[in-house]
Amino acid sequence: MIHPSLASELTEVIDPELGINIIDLGLVYEASIDDGAARVRMAMTSPTCPLGDVIARDVEAAIRRHHPEVGSVDVEIVDFPVWTPERMSDNARSMLGWK
């Protein structure tokens, strides 16, 4: 489950290769804040994506920007479930020219 405010805030994080935010791409599986700790579980579009660390840093920065009270941010990049294009929003598909 993705906390509604985090879903909105994480739209600021753009996949550098595709130029689309990670929420519309469907990369975020879970995002929560509980007792001053934020946790995000997400995937990359490819298990060999070289930009995972960059995106994880951007996720942490976005959370800290909107939630300065958060003490820790854990961004876990997972290989399972495997990301598939079906997770993308209609907006992302449109931006990529997919119908």
Protein backbone atom coordinates (compact mmCIF):
# COMPACT_ATOMS: atom_id res chain seq x y z
CA MET A 1 0.00 0.00 0.00
CA ILE A 2 1.19 3.49 -0.80
CA HIS A 3 0.32 6.22 1.69
CA PRO A 4 -1.69 8.85 -0.27
CA SER A 5 0.50 11.82 0.66
CA LEU A 6 3.65 9.89 -0.22
CA ALA A 7 2.17 8.92 -3.58
CA SER A 8 1.71 12.58 -4.38
CA GLU A 9 5.14 13.58 -3.10
CA LEU A 10 6.96 10.78 -4.91
CA THR A 11 5.64 12.02 -8.25
CA GLU A 12 8.50 14.53 -7.90
CA VAL A 13 10.98 11.68 -8.39
CA ILE A 14 11.67 11.25 -12.10
CA ASP A 15 13.24 8.19 -13.69
CA PRO A 16 16.26 9.81 -15.41
CA GLU A 17 16.16 7.47 -18.40
CA LEU A 18 12.45 7.72 -19.17
CA GLY A 19 11.66 11.21 -17.86
CA ILE A 20 8.52 9.94 -16.11
CA ASN A 21 7.84 9.92 -12.38
CA ILE A 22 8.21 6.69 -10.43
CA ILE A 23 4.55 6.61 -9.34
CA ASP A 24 3.19 6.76 -12.90
CA LEU A 25 5.76 4.16 -13.93
CA GLY A 26 4.41 1.86 -11.22
CA LEU A 27 7.82 1.37 -9.64
CA VAL A 28 6.64 1.96 -6.07
CA TYR A 29 5.01 -1.06 -4.43
CA GLU A 30 4.75 0.23 -0.86
CA ALA A 31 5.39 3.55 0.85
CA SER A 32 4.64 4.40 4.46
CA ILE A 33 5.63 6.57 7.38
CA ASP A 34 5.24 5.12 10.85
CA ASP A 35 6.66 6.39 14.14
CA GLY A 36 9.10 8.75 12.44
CA ALA A 37 10.42 6.16 10.00
CA ALA A 38 9.67 6.10 6.29
CA ARG A 39 9.83 2.91 4.27
CA VAL A 40 9.59 2.52 0.51
CA ARG A 41 9.66 -0.77 -1.42
CA MET A 42 10.14 -0.32 -5.12
CA ALA A 43 11.51 -1.90 -8.25
CA MET A 44 13.41 -0.70 -11.26
CA THR A 45 12.19 -1.16 -14.83
CA SER A 46 15.11 -3.55 -15.28
CA PRO A 47 16.90 -5.63 -12.64
CA THR A 48 20.19 -4.36 -14.06
CA CYS A 49 19.21 -0.68 -14.00
CA PRO A 50 22.37 1.27 -13.15
CA LEU A 51 20.38 4.20 -11.72
CA GLY A 52 18.84 2.46 -8.71
CA ASP A 53 21.07 4.31 -6.23
CA VAL A 54 20.29 7.66 -7.86
CA ILE A 55 16.55 7.06 -7.75
CA ALA A 56 16.74 5.80 -4.15
CA ARG A 57 18.57 9.00 -3.14
CA ASP A 58 15.93 11.08 -4.92
CA VAL A 59 13.17 9.18 -3.08
CA GLU A 60 14.83 9.85 0.26
CA ALA A 61 15.33 13.53 -0.59
CA ALA A 62 11.67 13.94 -1.59
CA ILE A 63 10.47 12.35 1.64
CA ARG A 64 12.81 14.45 3.78
CA ARG A 65 11.75 17.62 1.93
CA HIS A 66 8.09 17.01 2.76
CA HIS A 67 8.54 15.28 6.12
CA PRO A 68 11.44 16.87 8.02
CA GLU A 69 10.24 15.11 11.16
CA VAL A 70 11.17 11.71 9.72
CA GLY A 71 14.24 10.25 11.40
CA SER A 72 15.01 7.40 9.02
CA VAL A 73 14.20 6.60 5.43
CA ASP A 74 14.60 3.05 4.16
CA VAL A 75 14.35 2.65 0.38
CA GLU A 76 14.42 -1.01 -0.57
CA ILE A 77 14.85 -1.87 -4.24
CA VAL A 78 13.39 -5.31 -4.81
CA ASP A 79 13.63 -7.80 -7.65
CA PHE A 80 10.30 -9.41 -6.82
CA PRO A 81 7.64 -8.89 -7.79
CA VAL A 82 9.20 -8.15 -11.13
CA TRP A 83 8.14 -4.82 -12.60
CA THR A 84 6.14 -5.08 -15.82
CA PRO A 85 4.81 -2.34 -18.13
CA GLU A 86 1.28 -3.22 -17.04
CA ARG A 87 2.03 -1.40 -13.77
CA MET A 88 2.29 1.94 -15.60
CA SER A 89 -0.50 4.49 -15.43
CA ASP A 90 -2.38 5.51 -18.56
CA ASN A 91 -0.53 8.83 -18.32
CA ALA A 92 2.88 7.08 -18.46
CA ARG A 93 1.78 4.93 -21.38
CA SER A 94 0.63 8.02 -23.23
CA MET A 95 3.93 9.81 -22.55
CA LEU A 96 5.79 6.83 -24.02
CA GLY A 97 3.51 6.74 -27.04
CA TRP A 98 1.88 3.45 -26.00
CA LYS A 99 -1.84 3.01 -26.44
